[in-house]
């Protein structure tokens, strides 16, 4: 992982394999935030990088059409659900099974 600090990043942090880009130096030491982004790195590698971004984008667009709310659409992305659920567990990546994000896929019919 290569850590980059850029005030131009639109979020607190962003994982674009092999980089984690953080908005400011203070965030560069935020262990839970970095763990969240490392979880995304693992997801990206499992899906061979580019398919991750395609699935991420399609999942977001589907959620946005469904919920009509950016924050809710973002939070319902399967990759974000895993990362948010597990980012406080700093040992998660040591015990995480491959393709663990799959268990956060929920098909709702209503």
PDB file of N, CA and C in Angstrom:
ATOM      1  N   UNK A   1       0.848  -1.179   0.000  1.00  0.00           N
ATOM      2  CA  UNK A   1       0.000   0.000   0.000  1.00  0.00           C
ATOM      3  C   UNK A   1       0.888   1.235   0.000  1.00  0.00           C
ATOM      4  N   UNK A   2       0.575   2.152  -0.883  1.00  0.00           N
ATOM      5  CA  UNK A   2       1.263   3.434  -0.936  1.00  0.00           C
ATOM      6  C   UNK A   2       0.298   4.498  -0.446  1.00  0.00           C
ATOM      7  N   UNK A   3       0.701   5.235   0.561  1.00  0.00           N
ATOM      8  CA  UNK A   3      -0.146   6.276   1.145  1.00  0.00           C
ATOM      9  C   UNK A   3       0.189   7.624   0.521  1.00  0.00           C
ATOM     10  N   UNK A   4      -0.839   8.304   0.032  1.00  0.00           N
ATOM     11  CA  UNK A   4      -0.680   9.604  -0.609  1.00  0.00           C
ATOM     12  C   UNK A   4      -1.596  10.586   0.109  1.00  0.00           C
ATOM     13  N   UNK A   5      -1.092  11.791   0.368  1.00  0.00           N
ATOM     14  CA  UNK A   5      -1.903  12.852   0.960  1.00  0.00           C
ATOM     15  C   UNK A   5      -2.206  13.864  -0.137  1.00  0.00           C
ATOM     16  N   UNK A   6      -3.501  14.140  -0.322  1.00  0.00           N
ATOM     17  CA  UNK A   6      -3.906  15.111  -1.334  1.00  0.00           C
ATOM     18  C   UNK A   6      -5.166  15.831  -0.878  1.00  0.00           C
ATOM     19  N   UNK A   7      -5.091  17.120  -0.802  1.00  0.00           N
ATOM     20  CA  UNK A   7      -6.274  17.895  -0.404  1.00  0.00           C
ATOM     21  C   UNK A   7      -7.350  17.881  -1.482  1.00  0.00           C
ATOM     22  N   UNK A   8      -7.020  17.360  -2.649  1.00  0.00           N
ATOM     23  CA  UNK A   8      -7.965  17.331  -3.764  1.00  0.00           C
ATOM     24  C   UNK A   8      -8.872  16.113  -3.756  1.00  0.00           C
ATOM     25  N   UNK A   9      -8.582  15.130  -2.915  1.00  0.00           N
ATOM     26  CA  UNK A   9      -9.440  13.953  -2.849  1.00  0.00           C
ATOM     27  C   UNK A   9     -10.793  14.394  -2.277  1.00  0.00           C
ATOM     28  N   UNK A  10     -11.895  13.987  -2.893  1.00  0.00           N
ATOM     29  CA  UNK A  10     -13.211  14.496  -2.465  1.00  0.00           C
ATOM     30  C   UNK A  10     -13.741  13.883  -1.168  1.00  0.00           C
ATOM     31  N   UNK A  11     -13.099  12.839  -0.670  1.00  0.00           N
ATOM     32  CA  UNK A  11     -13.553  12.154   0.541  1.00  0.00           C
ATOM     33  C   UNK A  11     -12.420  12.151   1.553  1.00  0.00           C
ATOM     34  N   UNK A  12     -12.672  11.638   2.738  1.00  0.00           N
ATOM     35  CA  UNK A  12     -11.613  11.523   3.736  1.00  0.00           C
ATOM     36  C   UNK A  12     -10.481  10.655   3.209  1.00  0.00           C
ATOM     37  N   UNK A  13     -10.848   9.574   2.524  1.00  0.00           N
ATOM     38  CA  UNK A  13      -9.851   8.667   1.948  1.00  0.00           C
ATOM     39  C   UNK A  13     -10.461   7.940   0.759  1.00  0.00           C
ATOM     40  N   UNK A  14      -9.580   7.418  -0.061  1.00  0.00           N
ATOM     41  CA  UNK A  14      -9.990   6.736  -1.276  1.00  0.00           C
ATOM     42  C   UNK A  14      -8.969   5.640  -1.573  1.00  0.00           C
ATOM     43  N   UNK A  15      -9.436   4.440  -1.845  1.00  0.00           N
ATOM     44  CA  UNK A  15      -8.551   3.331  -2.180  1.00  0.00           C
ATOM     45  C   UNK A  15      -8.588   3.084  -3.678  1.00  0.00           C
ATOM     46  N   UNK A  16      -7.482   3.321  -4.326  1.00  0.00           N
ATOM     47  CA  UNK A  16      -7.313   3.008  -5.739  1.00  0.00           C
ATOM     48  C   UNK A  16      -6.029   2.193  -5.817  1.00  0.00           C
ATOM     49  N   UNK A  17      -6.201   0.888  -5.881  1.00  0.00           N
ATOM     50  CA  UNK A  17      -5.061  -0.020  -5.769  1.00  0.00           C
ATOM     51  C   UNK A  17      -3.923   0.391  -6.686  1.00  0.00           C
ATOM     52  N   UNK A  18      -2.704   0.482  -6.162  1.00  0.00           N
ATOM     53  CA  UNK A  18      -2.188   0.140  -4.836  1.00  0.00           C
ATOM     54  C   UNK A  18      -2.099   1.328  -3.888  1.00  0.00           C
ATOM     55  N   UNK A  19      -2.827   2.402  -4.183  1.00  0.00           N
ATOM     56  CA  UNK A  19      -2.735   3.618  -3.379  1.00  0.00           C
ATOM     57  C   UNK A  19      -3.912   3.767  -2.427  1.00  0.00           C
ATOM     58  N   UNK A  20      -3.633   4.395  -1.304  1.00  0.00           N
ATOM     59  CA  UNK A  20      -4.677   4.938  -0.436  1.00  0.00           C
ATOM     60  C   UNK A  20      -4.389   6.433  -0.390  1.00  0.00           C
ATOM     61  N   UNK A  21      -5.369   7.206  -0.812  1.00  0.00           N
ATOM     62  CA  UNK A  21      -5.218   8.655  -0.856  1.00  0.00           C
ATOM     63  C   UNK A  21      -6.057   9.231   0.274  1.00  0.00           C
ATOM     64  N   UNK A  22      -5.423  10.018   1.137  1.00  0.00           N
ATOM     65  CA  UNK A  22      -6.130  10.653   2.251  1.00  0.00           C
ATOM     66  C   UNK A  22      -6.131  12.161   2.050  1.00  0.00           C
ATOM     67  N   UNK A  23      -7.137  12.805   2.619  1.00  0.00           N
ATOM     68  CA  UNK A  23      -7.349  14.238   2.419  1.00  0.00           C
ATOM     69  C   UNK A  23      -6.291  15.100   3.112  1.00  0.00           C
ATOM     70  N   UNK A  24      -5.808  14.645   4.272  1.00  0.00           N
ATOM     71  CA  UNK A  24      -4.803  15.434   4.996  1.00  0.00           C
ATOM     72  C   UNK A  24      -3.905  14.525   5.828  1.00  0.00           C
ATOM     73  N   UNK A  25      -2.823  15.082   6.346  1.00  0.00           N
ATOM     74  CA  UNK A  25      -1.829  14.300   7.093  1.00  0.00           C
ATOM     75  C   UNK A  25      -2.411  13.652   8.340  1.00  0.00           C
ATOM     76  N   UNK A  26      -3.340  14.325   8.993  1.00  0.00           N
ATOM     77  CA  UNK A  26      -3.932  13.773  10.215  1.00  0.00           C
ATOM     78  C   UNK A  26      -4.630  12.445   9.929  1.00  0.00           C
ATOM     79  N   UNK A  27      -5.258  12.332   8.780  1.00  0.00           N
ATOM     80  CA  UNK A  27      -5.963  11.101   8.424  1.00  0.00           C
ATOM     81  C   UNK A  27      -5.003   9.962   8.073  1.00  0.00           C
ATOM     82  N   UNK A  28      -3.761  10.295   7.786  1.00  0.00           N
ATOM     83  CA  UNK A  28      -2.767   9.285   7.414  1.00  0.00           C
ATOM     84  C   UNK A  28      -2.417   8.361   8.572  1.00  0.00           C
ATOM     85  N   UNK A  29      -2.815   8.720   9.777  1.00  0.00           N
ATOM     86  CA  UNK A  29      -2.544   7.872  10.945  1.00  0.00           C
ATOM     87  C   UNK A  29      -3.826   7.347  11.581  1.00  0.00           C
ATOM     88  N   UNK A  30      -4.944   7.558  10.949  1.00  0.00           N
ATOM     89  CA  UNK A  30      -6.237   7.104  11.467  1.00  0.00           C
ATOM     90  C   UNK A  30      -6.387   5.614  11.163  1.00  0.00           C
ATOM     91  N   UNK A  31      -6.162   4.776  12.161  1.00  0.00           N
ATOM     92  CA  UNK A  31      -6.071   3.326  11.938  1.00  0.00           C
ATOM     93  C   UNK A  31      -7.354   2.715  11.385  1.00  0.00           C
ATOM     94  N   UNK A  32      -8.514   3.127  11.869  1.00  0.00           N
ATOM     95  CA  UNK A  32      -9.765   2.548  11.364  1.00  0.00           C
ATOM     96  C   UNK A  32     -10.026   2.961   9.920  1.00  0.00           C
ATOM     97  N   UNK A  33      -9.731   4.197   9.597  1.00  0.00           N
ATOM     98  CA  UNK A  33      -9.906   4.681   8.227  1.00  0.00           C
ATOM     99  C   UNK A  33      -8.979   3.919   7.279  1.00  0.00           C
ATOM    100  N   UNK A  34      -7.739   3.761   7.675  1.00  0.00           N
ATOM    101  CA  UNK A  34      -6.787   3.022   6.840  1.00  0.00           C
ATOM    102  C   UNK A  34      -7.184   1.552   6.717  1.00  0.00           C
ATOM    103  N   UNK A  35      -7.695   0.977   7.790  1.00  0.00           N
ATOM    104  CA  UNK A  35      -8.156  -0.408   7.738  1.00  0.00           C
ATOM    105  C   UNK A  35      -9.323  -0.540   6.754  1.00  0.00           C
ATOM    106  N   UNK A  36     -10.237   0.412   6.783  1.00  0.00           N
ATOM    107  CA  UNK A  36     -11.370   0.446   5.856  1.00  0.00           C
ATOM    108  C   UNK A  36     -10.851   0.407   4.409  1.00  0.00           C
ATOM    109  N   UNK A  37      -9.867   1.237   4.127  1.00  0.00           N
ATOM    110  CA  UNK A  37      -9.327   1.306   2.763  1.00  0.00           C
ATOM    111  C   UNK A  37      -8.531   0.055   2.415  1.00  0.00           C
ATOM    112  N   UNK A  38      -7.855  -0.546   3.383  1.00  0.00           N
ATOM    113  CA  UNK A  38      -7.140  -1.809   3.124  1.00  0.00           C
ATOM    114  C   UNK A  38      -8.116  -2.939   2.815  1.00  0.00           C
ATOM    115  N   UNK A  39      -9.274  -2.904   3.444  1.00  0.00           N
ATOM    116  CA  UNK A  39     -10.316  -3.892   3.116  1.00  0.00           C
ATOM    117  C   UNK A  39     -10.714  -3.732   1.647  1.00  0.00           C
ATOM    118  N   UNK A  40     -10.853  -2.478   1.210  1.00  0.00           N
ATOM    119  CA  UNK A  40     -11.158  -2.243  -0.207  1.00  0.00           C
ATOM    120  C   UNK A  40     -10.029  -2.756  -1.103  1.00  0.00           C
ATOM    121  N   UNK A  41      -8.787  -2.584  -0.683  1.00  0.00           N
ATOM    122  CA  UNK A  41      -7.675  -3.125  -1.478  1.00  0.00           C
ATOM    123  C   UNK A  41      -7.816  -4.637  -1.643  1.00  0.00           C
ATOM    124  N   UNK A  42      -8.137  -5.327  -0.573  1.00  0.00           N
ATOM    125  CA  UNK A  42      -8.283  -6.778  -0.638  1.00  0.00           C
ATOM    126  C   UNK A  42      -9.417  -7.141  -1.600  1.00  0.00           C
ATOM    127  N   UNK A  43     -10.524  -6.414  -1.515  1.00  0.00           N
ATOM    128  CA  UNK A  43     -11.644  -6.662  -2.425  1.00  0.00           C
ATOM    129  C   UNK A  43     -11.220  -6.431  -3.877  1.00  0.00           C
ATOM    130  N   UNK A  44     -10.470  -5.366  -4.097  1.00  0.00           N
ATOM    131  CA  UNK A  44     -10.018  -5.028  -5.442  1.00  0.00           C
ATOM    132  C   UNK A  44      -9.126  -6.122  -6.017  1.00  0.00           C
ATOM    133  N   UNK A  45      -8.201  -6.626  -5.219  1.00  0.00           N
ATOM    134  CA  UNK A  45      -7.299  -7.688  -5.677  1.00  0.00           C
ATOM    135  C   UNK A  45      -8.087  -8.964  -5.976  1.00  0.00           C
ATOM    136  N   UNK A  46      -9.028  -9.305  -5.108  1.00  0.00           N
ATOM    137  CA  UNK A  46      -9.839 -10.514  -5.328  1.00  0.00           C
ATOM    138  C   UNK A  46     -10.605 -10.463  -6.643  1.00  0.00           C
ATOM    139  N   UNK A  47     -11.035  -9.273  -7.012  1.00  0.00           N
ATOM    140  CA  UNK A  47     -11.819  -9.125  -8.245  1.00  0.00           C
ATOM    141  C   UNK A  47     -10.965  -8.642  -9.421  1.00  0.00           C
ATOM    142  N   UNK A  48      -9.651  -8.767  -9.273  1.00  0.00           N
ATOM    143  CA  UNK A  48      -8.706  -8.413 -10.336  1.00  0.00           C
ATOM    144  C   UNK A  48      -8.797  -6.939 -10.742  1.00  0.00           C
ATOM    145  N   UNK A  49      -8.946  -6.079  -9.772  1.00  0.00           N
ATOM    146  CA  UNK A  49      -8.911  -4.617  -9.845  1.00  0.00           C
ATOM    147  C   UNK A  49     -10.058  -4.022 -10.672  1.00  0.00           C
ATOM    148  N   UNK A  50      -9.976  -4.053 -11.977  1.00  0.00           N
ATOM    149  CA  UNK A  50     -10.971  -3.355 -12.804  1.00  0.00           C
ATOM    150  C   UNK A  50     -12.402  -3.851 -12.611  1.00  0.00           C
ATOM    151  N   UNK A  51     -12.658  -5.145 -12.547  1.00  0.00           N
ATOM    152  CA  UNK A  51     -14.041  -5.574 -12.294  1.00  0.00           C
ATOM    153  C   UNK A  51     -14.593  -5.035 -10.968  1.00  0.00           C
ATOM    154  N   UNK A  52     -13.726  -4.848  -9.980  1.00  0.00           N
ATOM    155  CA  UNK A  52     -14.175  -4.258  -8.715  1.00  0.00           C
ATOM    156  C   UNK A  52     -14.826  -2.903  -8.969  1.00  0.00           C
ATOM    157  N   UNK A  53     -14.139  -2.048  -9.733  1.00  0.00           N
ATOM    158  CA  UNK A  53     -14.659  -0.698  -9.975  1.00  0.00           C
ATOM    159  C   UNK A  53     -15.956  -0.728 -10.771  1.00  0.00           C
ATOM    160  N   UNK A  54     -16.055  -1.631 -11.717  1.00  0.00           N
ATOM    161  CA  UNK A  54     -17.280  -1.760 -12.507  1.00  0.00           C
ATOM    162  C   UNK A  54     -18.445  -2.210 -11.624  1.00  0.00           C
ATOM    163  N   UNK A  55     -18.216  -3.230 -10.808  1.00  0.00           N
ATOM    164  CA  UNK A  55     -19.269  -3.719  -9.903  1.00  0.00           C
ATOM    165  C   UNK A  55     -19.632  -2.647  -8.883  1.00  0.00           C
ATOM    166  N   UNK A  56     -18.626  -1.953  -8.364  1.00  0.00           N
ATOM    167  CA  UNK A  56     -18.852  -0.880  -7.388  1.00  0.00           C
ATOM    168  C   UNK A  56     -19.769   0.189  -7.997  1.00  0.00           C
ATOM    169  N   UNK A  57     -19.424   0.629  -9.199  1.00  0.00           N
ATOM    170  CA  UNK A  57     -20.210   1.670  -9.871  1.00  0.00           C
ATOM    171  C   UNK A  57     -21.630   1.199 -10.176  1.00  0.00           C
ATOM    172  N   UNK A  58     -21.767  -0.003 -10.710  1.00  0.00           N
ATOM    173  CA  UNK A  58     -23.099  -0.535 -11.017  1.00  0.00           C
ATOM    174  C   UNK A  58     -23.940  -0.702  -9.754  1.00  0.00           C
ATOM    175  N   UNK A  59     -23.312  -1.161  -8.678  1.00  0.00           N
ATOM    176  CA  UNK A  59     -24.011  -1.319  -7.404  1.00  0.00           C
ATOM    177  C   UNK A  59     -24.481   0.040  -6.887  1.00  0.00           C
ATOM    178  N   UNK A  60     -23.626   1.045  -7.018  1.00  0.00           N
ATOM    179  CA  UNK A  60     -24.002   2.395  -6.582  1.00  0.00           C
ATOM    180  C   UNK A  60     -25.169   2.935  -7.412  1.00  0.00           C
ATOM    181  N   UNK A  61     -25.091   2.819  -8.727  1.00  0.00           N
ATOM    182  CA  UNK A  61     -26.152   3.336  -9.603  1.00  0.00           C
ATOM    183  C   UNK A  61     -27.475   2.621  -9.315  1.00  0.00           C
ATOM    184  N   UNK A  62     -27.431   1.305  -9.189  1.00  0.00           N
ATOM    185  CA  UNK A  62     -28.626   0.542  -8.843  1.00  0.00           C
ATOM    186  C   UNK A  62     -29.212   1.045  -7.518  1.00  0.00           C
ATOM    187  N   UNK A  63     -28.350   1.228  -6.516  1.00  0.00           N
ATOM    188  CA  UNK A  63     -28.812   1.705  -5.209  1.00  0.00           C
ATOM    189  C   UNK A  63     -29.363   3.119  -5.284  1.00  0.00           C
ATOM    190  N   UNK A  64     -28.740   3.961  -6.092  1.00  0.00           N
ATOM    191  CA  UNK A  64     -29.214   5.343  -6.224  1.00  0.00           C
ATOM    192  C   UNK A  64     -30.602   5.369  -6.862  1.00  0.00           C
ATOM    193  N   UNK A  65     -30.820   4.533  -7.862  1.00  0.00           N
ATOM    194  CA  UNK A  65     -32.153   4.444  -8.474  1.00  0.00           C
ATOM    195  C   UNK A  65     -33.168   3.909  -7.466  1.00  0.00           C
ATOM    196  N   UNK A  66     -32.730   3.006  -6.646  1.00  0.00           N
ATOM    197  CA  UNK A  66     -33.618   2.382  -5.667  1.00  0.00           C
ATOM    198  C   UNK A  66     -33.960   3.311  -4.503  1.00  0.00           C
ATOM    199  N   UNK A  67     -32.928   3.931  -3.929  1.00  0.00           N
ATOM    200  CA  UNK A  67     -33.123   4.728  -2.708  1.00  0.00           C
ATOM    201  C   UNK A  67     -33.273   6.223  -2.962  1.00  0.00           C
ATOM    202  N   UNK A  68     -32.831   6.682  -4.134  1.00  0.00           N
ATOM    203  CA  UNK A  68     -32.913   8.100  -4.500  1.00  0.00           C
ATOM    204  C   UNK A  68     -32.240   9.006  -3.463  1.00  0.00           C
ATOM    205  N   UNK A  69     -31.138   8.497  -2.911  1.00  0.00           N
ATOM    206  CA  UNK A  69     -30.393   9.222  -1.885  1.00  0.00           C
ATOM    207  C   UNK A  69     -28.931   8.779  -1.963  1.00  0.00           C
ATOM    208  N   UNK A  70     -28.021   9.733  -2.179  1.00  0.00           N
ATOM    209  CA  UNK A  70     -26.611   9.401  -2.356  1.00  0.00           C
ATOM    210  C   UNK A  70     -26.042   8.644  -1.159  1.00  0.00           C
ATOM    211  N   UNK A  71     -26.244   9.163   0.046  1.00  0.00           N
ATOM    212  CA  UNK A  71     -25.643   8.544   1.237  1.00  0.00           C
ATOM    213  C   UNK A  71     -26.140   7.114   1.436  1.00  0.00           C
ATOM    214  N   UNK A  72     -27.430   6.905   1.279  1.00  0.00           N
ATOM    215  CA  UNK A  72     -27.984   5.566   1.447  1.00  0.00           C
ATOM    216  C   UNK A  72     -27.491   4.631   0.332  1.00  0.00           C
ATOM    217  N   UNK A  73     -27.434   5.142  -0.892  1.00  0.00           N
ATOM    218  CA  UNK A  73     -26.935   4.333  -2.009  1.00  0.00           C
ATOM    219  C   UNK A  73     -25.489   3.923  -1.765  1.00  0.00           C
ATOM    220  N   UNK A  74     -24.675   4.856  -1.303  1.00  0.00           N
ATOM    221  CA  UNK A  74     -23.266   4.589  -1.004  1.00  0.00           C
ATOM    222  C   UNK A  74     -23.122   3.557   0.111  1.00  0.00           C
ATOM    223  N   UNK A  75     -23.874   3.748   1.183  1.00  0.00           N
ATOM    224  CA  UNK A  75     -23.779   2.834   2.333  1.00  0.00           C
ATOM    225  C   UNK A  75     -24.268   1.424   2.010  1.00  0.00           C
ATOM    226  N   UNK A  76     -25.090   1.275   0.987  1.00  0.00           N
ATOM    227  CA  UNK A  76     -25.620  -0.036   0.617  1.00  0.00           C
ATOM    228  C   UNK A  76     -24.755  -0.771  -0.406  1.00  0.00           C
ATOM    229  N   UNK A  77     -23.685  -0.146  -0.882  1.00  0.00           N
ATOM    230  CA  UNK A  77     -22.762  -0.846  -1.773  1.00  0.00           C
ATOM    231  C   UNK A  77     -22.165  -2.004  -0.989  1.00  0.00           C
ATOM    232  N   UNK A  78     -22.201  -3.184  -1.563  1.00  0.00           N
ATOM    233  CA  UNK A  78     -21.784  -4.396  -0.849  1.00  0.00           C
ATOM    234  C   UNK A  78     -20.357  -4.261  -0.308  1.00  0.00           C
ATOM    235  N   UNK A  79     -19.468  -3.659  -1.056  1.00  0.00           N
ATOM    236  CA  UNK A  79     -18.076  -3.505  -0.617  1.00  0.00           C
ATOM    237  C   UNK A  79     -17.977  -2.554   0.579  1.00  0.00           C
ATOM    238  N   UNK A  80     -18.797  -1.509   0.570  1.00  0.00           N
ATOM    239  CA  UNK A  80     -18.803  -0.561   1.688  1.00  0.00           C
ATOM    240  C   UNK A  80     -19.404  -1.203   2.932  1.00  0.00           C
ATOM    241  N   UNK A  81     -20.399  -2.044   2.748  1.00  0.00           N
ATOM    242  CA  UNK A  81     -21.004  -2.704   3.913  1.00  0.00           C
ATOM    243  C   UNK A  81     -19.968  -3.531   4.657  1.00  0.00           C
ATOM    244  N   UNK A  82     -19.176  -4.290   3.922  1.00  0.00           N
ATOM    245  CA  UNK A  82     -18.129  -5.079   4.580  1.00  0.00           C
ATOM    246  C   UNK A  82     -17.109  -4.157   5.236  1.00  0.00           C
ATOM    247  N   UNK A  83     -16.642  -3.163   4.512  1.00  0.00           N
ATOM    248  CA  UNK A  83     -15.598  -2.283   5.043  1.00  0.00           C
ATOM    249  C   UNK A  83     -16.073  -1.521   6.283  1.00  0.00           C
ATOM    250  N   UNK A  84     -17.286  -0.998   6.261  1.00  0.00           N
ATOM    251  CA  UNK A  84     -17.802  -0.282   7.430  1.00  0.00           C
ATOM    252  C   UNK A  84     -18.045  -1.229   8.609  1.00  0.00           C
ATOM    253  N   UNK A  85     -18.518  -2.431   8.315  1.00  0.00           N
ATOM    254  CA  UNK A  85     -18.803  -3.384   9.394  1.00  0.00           C
ATOM    255  C   UNK A  85     -17.525  -3.855  10.078  1.00  0.00           C
ATOM    256  N   UNK A  86     -16.429  -3.920   9.339  1.00  0.00           N
ATOM    257  CA  UNK A  86     -15.218  -4.548   9.870  1.00  0.00           C
ATOM    258  C   UNK A  86     -14.041  -3.596  10.080  1.00  0.00           C
ATOM    259  N   UNK A  87     -14.191  -2.310   9.779  1.00  0.00           N
ATOM    260  CA  UNK A  87     -13.028  -1.420   9.854  1.00  0.00           C
ATOM    261  C   UNK A  87     -12.494  -1.191  11.267  1.00  0.00           C
ATOM    262  N   UNK A  88     -13.305  -1.413  12.278  1.00  0.00           N
ATOM    263  CA  UNK A  88     -12.835  -1.254  13.660  1.00  0.00           C
ATOM    264  C   UNK A  88     -12.013  -2.457  14.139  1.00  0.00           C
ATOM    265  N   UNK A  89     -12.148  -3.586  13.462  1.00  0.00           N
ATOM    266  CA  UNK A  89     -11.393  -4.796  13.786  1.00  0.00           C
ATOM    267  C   UNK A  89     -10.071  -4.746  13.017  1.00  0.00           C
ATOM    268  N   UNK A  90      -9.033  -4.276  13.693  1.00  0.00           N
ATOM    269  CA  UNK A  90      -7.751  -4.070  13.030  1.00  0.00           C
ATOM    270  C   UNK A  90      -7.040  -5.384  12.671  1.00  0.00           C
ATOM    271  N   UNK A  91      -7.571  -6.510  13.108  1.00  0.00           N
ATOM    272  CA  UNK A  91      -7.019  -7.819  12.765  1.00  0.00           C
ATOM    273  C   UNK A  91      -7.880  -8.547  11.738  1.00  0.00           C
ATOM    274  N   UNK A  92      -8.912  -7.869  11.261  1.00  0.00           N
ATOM    275  CA  UNK A  92      -9.868  -8.496  10.344  1.00  0.00           C
ATOM    276  C   UNK A  92      -9.194  -9.086   9.101  1.00  0.00           C
ATOM    277  N   UNK A  93      -8.289  -8.351   8.499  1.00  0.00           N
ATOM    278  CA  UNK A  93      -7.678  -8.832   7.260  1.00  0.00           C
ATOM    279  C   UNK A  93      -6.834 -10.082   7.467  1.00  0.00           C
ATOM    280  N   UNK A  94      -6.366 -10.300   8.682  1.00  0.00           N
ATOM    281  CA  UNK A  94      -5.590 -11.507   8.981  1.00  0.00           C
ATOM    282  C   UNK A  94      -6.463 -12.759   8.995  1.00  0.00           C
ATOM    283  N   UNK A  95      -7.742 -12.584   9.305  1.00  0.00           N
ATOM    284  CA  UNK A  95      -8.634 -13.744   9.417  1.00  0.00           C
ATOM    285  C   UNK A  95      -9.736 -13.758   8.343  1.00  0.00           C
ATOM    286  N   UNK A  96      -9.784 -12.734   7.534  1.00  0.00           N
ATOM    287  CA  UNK A  96     -10.826 -12.611   6.508  1.00  0.00           C
ATOM    288  C   UNK A  96     -10.699 -13.712   5.466  1.00  0.00           C
ATOM    289  N   UNK A  97     -11.824 -14.317   5.150  1.00  0.00           N
ATOM    290  CA  UNK A  97     -11.855 -15.319   4.088  1.00  0.00           C
ATOM    291  C   UNK A  97     -11.981 -14.611   2.734  1.00  0.00           C
ATOM    292  N   UNK A  98     -11.513 -15.273   1.697  1.00  0.00           N
ATOM    293  CA  UNK A  98     -11.602 -14.694   0.352  1.00  0.00           C
ATOM    294  C   UNK A  98     -13.064 -14.452  -0.025  1.00  0.00           C
ATOM    295  N   UNK A  99     -13.290 -13.370  -0.721  1.00  0.00           N
ATOM    296  CA  UNK A  99     -14.617 -12.984  -1.206  1.00  0.00           C
ATOM    297  C   UNK A  99     -15.629 -12.844  -0.062  1.00  0.00           C
ATOM    298  N   UNK A 100     -15.152 -12.404   1.089  1.00  0.00           N
ATOM    299  CA  UNK A 100     -16.017 -12.252   2.260  1.00  0.00           C
ATOM    300  C   UNK A 100     -17.135 -11.239   2.029  1.00  0.00           C
ATOM    301  N   UNK A 101     -16.938 -10.306   1.112  1.00  0.00           N
ATOM    302  CA  UNK A 101     -17.964  -9.294   0.840  1.00  0.00           C
ATOM    303  C   UNK A 101     -19.275  -9.920   0.385  1.00  0.00           C
ATOM    304  N   UNK A 102     -19.241 -11.135  -0.140  1.00  0.00           N
ATOM    305  CA  UNK A 102     -20.443 -11.806  -0.654  1.00  0.00           C
ATOM    306  C   UNK A 102     -21.503 -11.936   0.426  1.00  0.00           C
ATOM    307  N   UNK A 103     -21.100 -12.121   1.673  1.00  0.00           N
ATOM    308  CA  UNK A 103     -22.107 -12.306   2.724  1.00  0.00           C
ATOM    309  C   UNK A 103     -22.893 -11.022   3.016  1.00  0.00           C
ATOM    310  N   UNK A 104     -22.453  -9.899   2.459  1.00  0.00           N
ATOM    311  CA  UNK A 104     -23.199  -8.652   2.629  1.00  0.00           C
ATOM    312  C   UNK A 104     -24.169  -8.405   1.475  1.00  0.00           C
ATOM    313  N   UNK A 105     -24.267  -9.320   0.545  1.00  0.00           N
ATOM    314  CA  UNK A 105     -25.235  -9.182  -0.547  1.00  0.00           C
ATOM    315  C   UNK A 105     -26.595  -9.598  -0.031  1.00  0.00           C
ATOM    316  N   UNK A 106     -27.526  -8.685  -0.093  1.00  0.00           N
ATOM    317  CA  UNK A 106     -28.896  -8.959   0.344  1.00  0.00           C
ATOM    318  C   UNK A 106     -29.840  -8.567  -0.772  1.00  0.00           C
ATOM    319  N   UNK A 107     -30.574  -9.507  -1.247  1.00  0.00           N
ATOM    320  CA  UNK A 107     -31.565  -9.237  -2.290  1.00  0.00           C
ATOM    321  C   UNK A 107     -32.890  -8.939  -1.598  1.00  0.00           C
ATOM    322  N   UNK A 108     -33.336  -7.705  -1.757  1.00  0.00           N
ATOM    323  CA  UNK A 108     -34.612  -7.304  -1.149  1.00  0.00           C
ATOM    324  C   UNK A 108     -35.645  -7.177  -2.246  1.00  0.00           C
ATOM    325  N   UNK A 109     -36.810  -7.692  -1.986  1.00  0.00           N
ATOM    326  CA  UNK A 109     -37.856  -7.657  -3.000  1.00  0.00           C
ATOM    327  C   UNK A 109     -38.882  -6.555  -2.749  1.00  0.00           C
ATOM    328  N   UNK A 110     -38.803  -5.882  -1.633  1.00  0.00           N
ATOM    329  CA  UNK A 110     -39.797  -4.810  -1.375  1.00  0.00           C
ATOM    330  C   UNK A 110     -39.224  -3.463  -1.614  1.00  0.00           C
TER     331      UNK A 110
END
